[in-house]
Amino acid sequence: MAVEMIIFSAIVLFLIVFLYYLLSIYNGFITLRTNIQKAWANIDVLLKQRFDELPNLVETVKGYAKHEKQTLENITKLRSAVQDAGSIHDKAIASEQLSQNLKTLFAVAENYPNLKANENFLKLQKRITELENLIADRREFYNDSVNLYNIKIASFPDLIISRMFNFKLAEFFSAQANEREAQMVKF
């Protein structure tokens, strides 16, 4: 009877430890997935701040650079495209295009000495540049979070749990091939 009790206790202990192990793997997936969502939300906040600042920048530049209409229209269109993008991939593409057009706008501003000296423009330019840098930092953090999550999904024995509970690989925030090329600014 004592041997049977020891065997039964060992089996119960093994099942408890095994269940705890499975739960810890599952909770690890939940933690990593939540970190990805948080990282994306942080990017989204910065995109919203940039979205809110851009009309002020466009209006300031309009007063000085009336014949730069195409650049200003592109920024306005891309601003809306970022806001309307449904997926992370679409938002990443639109955001990258907007960043490239902002660089063009700041390069164009070099041709307008009065604009370059305008205090509002300088403040807005500094603010947008700060936001662009913060967005780049948050993208890196987001991609690090995605990387950790994707590695866990593909690693043994965690991949058994990931398949059992249908955890899917997360998408990296990446630039398109044409966005990796150096952009030429034409005046």
Protein backbone atom coordinates (compact mmCIF):
# COMPACT_ATOMS: atom_id res chain seq x y z
CA MET A 1 0.00 0.00 0.00
CA ALA A 2 2.84 2.42 0.82
CA VAL A 3 4.53 1.78 -2.54
CA GLU A 4 1.28 2.43 -4.38
CA MET A 5 0.86 5.68 -2.46
CA ILE A 6 4.40 6.79 -3.36
CA ILE A 7 3.84 5.96 -7.04
CA PHE A 8 0.49 7.78 -7.01
CA SER A 9 2.09 10.81 -5.30
CA ALA A 10 4.94 10.80 -7.82
CA ILE A 11 2.48 10.71 -10.74
CA VAL A 12 0.40 13.53 -9.26
CA LEU A 13 3.55 15.58 -8.59
CA PHE A 14 4.76 14.97 -12.15
CA LEU A 15 1.38 16.04 -13.58
CA ILE A 16 1.36 19.19 -11.43
CA VAL A 17 4.90 20.11 -12.50
CA PHE A 18 4.08 19.35 -16.15
CA LEU A 19 0.89 21.42 -16.01
CA TYR A 20 2.78 24.28 -14.39
CA TYR A 21 5.40 24.07 -17.15
CA LEU A 22 2.72 24.20 -19.87
CA LEU A 23 1.02 27.14 -18.18
CA SER A 24 4.31 29.03 -17.88
CA ILE A 25 4.96 28.55 -21.62
CA TYR A 26 1.43 29.70 -22.45
CA ASN A 27 1.74 32.73 -20.16
CA GLY A 28 5.09 33.54 -21.78
CA PHE A 29 3.36 33.71 -25.15
CA ILE A 30 0.66 35.95 -23.73
CA THR A 31 3.28 38.26 -22.19
CA LEU A 32 5.26 38.52 -25.41
CA ARG A 33 2.13 39.07 -27.53
CA THR A 34 0.98 41.79 -25.14
CA ASN A 35 4.41 43.44 -25.34
CA ILE A 36 4.05 43.55 -29.13
CA GLN A 37 0.62 45.16 -28.79
CA LYS A 38 2.01 47.69 -26.31
CA ALA A 39 4.96 48.46 -28.59
CA TRP A 40 2.60 49.02 -31.51
CA ALA A 41 0.37 51.24 -29.37
CA ASN A 42 3.43 53.34 -28.51
CA ILE A 43 4.20 53.75 -32.22
CA ASP A 44 0.56 54.61 -32.86
CA VAL A 45 0.65 57.37 -30.23
CA LEU A 46 3.65 58.96 -31.93
CA LEU A 47 2.06 58.61 -35.36
CA LYS A 48 -1.00 60.40 -33.98
CA GLN A 49 1.16 63.20 -32.57
CA ARG A 50 2.90 63.58 -35.93
CA PHE A 51 -0.51 63.49 -37.62
CA ASP A 52 -1.67 66.36 -35.40
CA GLU A 53 1.46 68.48 -36.01
CA LEU A 54 1.59 68.17 -39.79
CA PRO A 55 -1.27 70.58 -40.67
CA ASN A 56 0.52 73.32 -38.72
CA LEU A 57 3.75 72.63 -40.58
CA VAL A 58 2.02 72.58 -43.97
CA GLU A 59 0.23 75.86 -43.26
CA THR A 60 3.45 77.52 -42.15
CA VAL A 61 5.27 76.42 -45.30
CA LYS A 62 2.34 77.37 -47.58
CA GLY A 63 2.80 81.01 -46.75
CA TYR A 64 6.40 80.97 -47.94
CA ALA A 65 6.59 78.34 -50.63
CA LYS A 66 3.53 78.73 -52.78
CA HIS A 67 5.04 76.85 -55.75
CA GLU A 68 5.89 73.79 -53.61
CA LYS A 69 2.27 72.74 -53.85
CA GLN A 70 3.00 69.14 -54.93
CA THR A 71 5.19 68.42 -51.89
CA LEU A 72 2.56 69.85 -49.55
CA GLU A 73 -0.23 67.90 -51.24
CA ASN A 74 1.79 64.68 -50.94
CA ILE A 75 2.27 65.23 -47.23
CA THR A 76 -1.43 65.88 -46.76
CA LYS A 77 -2.37 62.74 -48.72
CA LEU A 78 0.16 60.57 -46.90
CA ARG A 79 -0.98 61.94 -43.56
CA SER A 80 -4.45 60.64 -44.37
CA ALA A 81 -3.04 57.34 -45.66
CA VAL A 82 -1.29 56.71 -42.33
CA GLN A 83 -4.49 57.48 -40.45
CA ASP A 84 -6.63 55.26 -42.71
CA ALA A 85 -4.23 52.30 -42.88
CA GLY A 86 -5.82 49.16 -41.46
CA SER A 87 -2.94 46.78 -40.93
CA ILE A 88 0.46 47.23 -39.37
CA HIS A 89 2.02 46.56 -42.76
CA ASP A 90 -0.08 49.24 -44.49
CA LYS A 91 0.59 51.73 -41.71
CA ALA A 92 4.33 51.00 -41.92
CA ILE A 93 4.36 51.64 -45.67
CA ALA A 94 2.39 54.88 -45.39
CA SER A 95 4.48 56.06 -42.44
CA GLU A 96 7.75 55.45 -44.31
CA GLN A 97 6.46 57.35 -47.34
CA LEU A 98 5.40 60.23 -45.12
CA SER A 99 8.83 60.30 -43.46
CA GLN A 100 10.50 60.50 -46.89
CA ASN A 101 8.23 63.37 -47.95
CA LEU A 102 8.96 65.23 -44.72
CA LYS A 103 12.67 64.98 -45.50
CA THR A 104 11.93 66.45 -48.92
CA LEU A 105 9.92 69.27 -47.35
CA PHE A 106 12.72 70.14 -44.95
CA ALA A 107 15.21 70.09 -47.84
CA VAL A 108 12.92 72.36 -49.89
CA ALA A 109 12.74 74.76 -46.95
CA GLU A 110 16.47 75.37 -47.34
CA ASN A 111 15.62 77.43 -50.47
CA TYR A 112 13.52 79.88 -48.45
CA PRO A 113 15.66 81.96 -46.07
CA ASN A 114 12.63 83.69 -44.56
CA LEU A 115 10.99 80.32 -43.89
CA LYS A 116 14.16 78.93 -42.36
CA ALA A 117 14.23 81.92 -40.00
CA ASN A 118 10.53 81.67 -39.09
CA GLU A 119 10.22 80.74 -35.42
CA ASN A 120 7.04 78.69 -35.90
CA PHE A 121 8.61 76.72 -38.72
CA LEU A 122 11.76 76.04 -36.69
CA LYS A 123 9.71 74.84 -33.72
CA LEU A 124 7.54 72.62 -35.90
CA GLN A 125 10.56 71.27 -37.77
CA LYS A 126 12.26 70.43 -34.49
CA ARG A 127 9.11 68.80 -33.10
CA ILE A 128 8.51 66.71 -36.22
CA THR A 129 12.17 65.67 -36.31
CA GLU A 130 11.94 64.61 -32.64
CA LEU A 131 8.79 62.62 -33.41
CA GLU A 132 10.47 60.94 -36.40
CA ASN A 133 13.38 59.91 -34.17
CA LEU A 134 11.02 58.60 -31.48
CA ILE A 135 9.05 56.65 -34.09
CA ALA A 136 12.27 55.07 -35.34
CA ASP A 137 13.21 54.08 -31.77
CA ARG A 138 9.76 52.62 -31.13
CA ARG A 139 9.87 50.69 -34.40
CA GLU A 140 13.12 49.11 -33.25
CA PHE A 141 11.57 48.17 -29.89
CA TYR A 142 8.50 46.79 -31.68
CA ASN A 143 10.65 44.66 -33.97
CA ASP A 144 12.67 43.40 -30.98
CA SER A 145 9.41 42.36 -29.33
CA VAL A 146 8.23 40.63 -32.51
CA ASN A 147 11.58 38.88 -32.81
CA LEU A 148 11.41 37.47 -29.25
CA TYR A 149 7.84 36.31 -29.80
CA ASN A 150 8.57 34.69 -33.16
CA ILE A 151 11.64 32.90 -31.78
CA LYS A 152 9.57 31.52 -28.91
CA ILE A 153 6.89 30.29 -31.32
CA ALA A 154 9.47 28.44 -33.42
CA SER A 155 11.55 27.02 -30.53
CA PHE A 156 11.13 23.50 -29.21
CA PRO A 157 9.28 22.61 -26.97
CA ASP A 158 7.38 25.92 -27.05
CA LEU A 159 6.31 25.34 -30.64
CA ILE A 160 4.09 22.48 -29.42
CA ILE A 161 2.16 24.88 -27.19
CA SER A 162 2.13 27.61 -29.87
CA ARG A 163 0.57 25.20 -32.35
CA MET A 164 -1.83 23.80 -29.79
CA PHE A 165 -3.16 27.28 -28.97
CA ASN A 166 -2.81 28.64 -32.52
CA PHE A 167 -0.26 31.39 -31.80
CA LYS A 168 0.81 32.92 -35.12
CA LEU A 169 4.03 34.65 -36.12
CA ALA A 170 3.87 38.42 -35.77
CA GLU A 171 4.71 40.81 -38.59
CA PHE A 172 7.79 43.01 -38.43
CA PHE A 173 7.55 46.73 -39.05
CA SER A 174 9.68 47.03 -42.18
CA ALA A 175 10.34 49.38 -45.06
CA GLN A 176 9.57 48.45 -48.64
CA ALA A 177 12.43 47.87 -51.09
CA ASN A 178 11.99 51.25 -52.81
CA GLU A 179 12.04 52.99 -49.42
CA ARG A 180 15.51 51.60 -48.66
CA GLU A 181 17.02 53.51 -51.56
CA ALA A 182 18.54 56.95 -51.10
CA GLN A 183 15.98 59.65 -51.88
CA MET A 184 16.98 62.39 -54.28
CA VAL A 185 15.63 65.83 -53.52
CA LYS A 186 14.98 67.97 -56.59
CA PHE A 187 14.31 71.67 -56.55
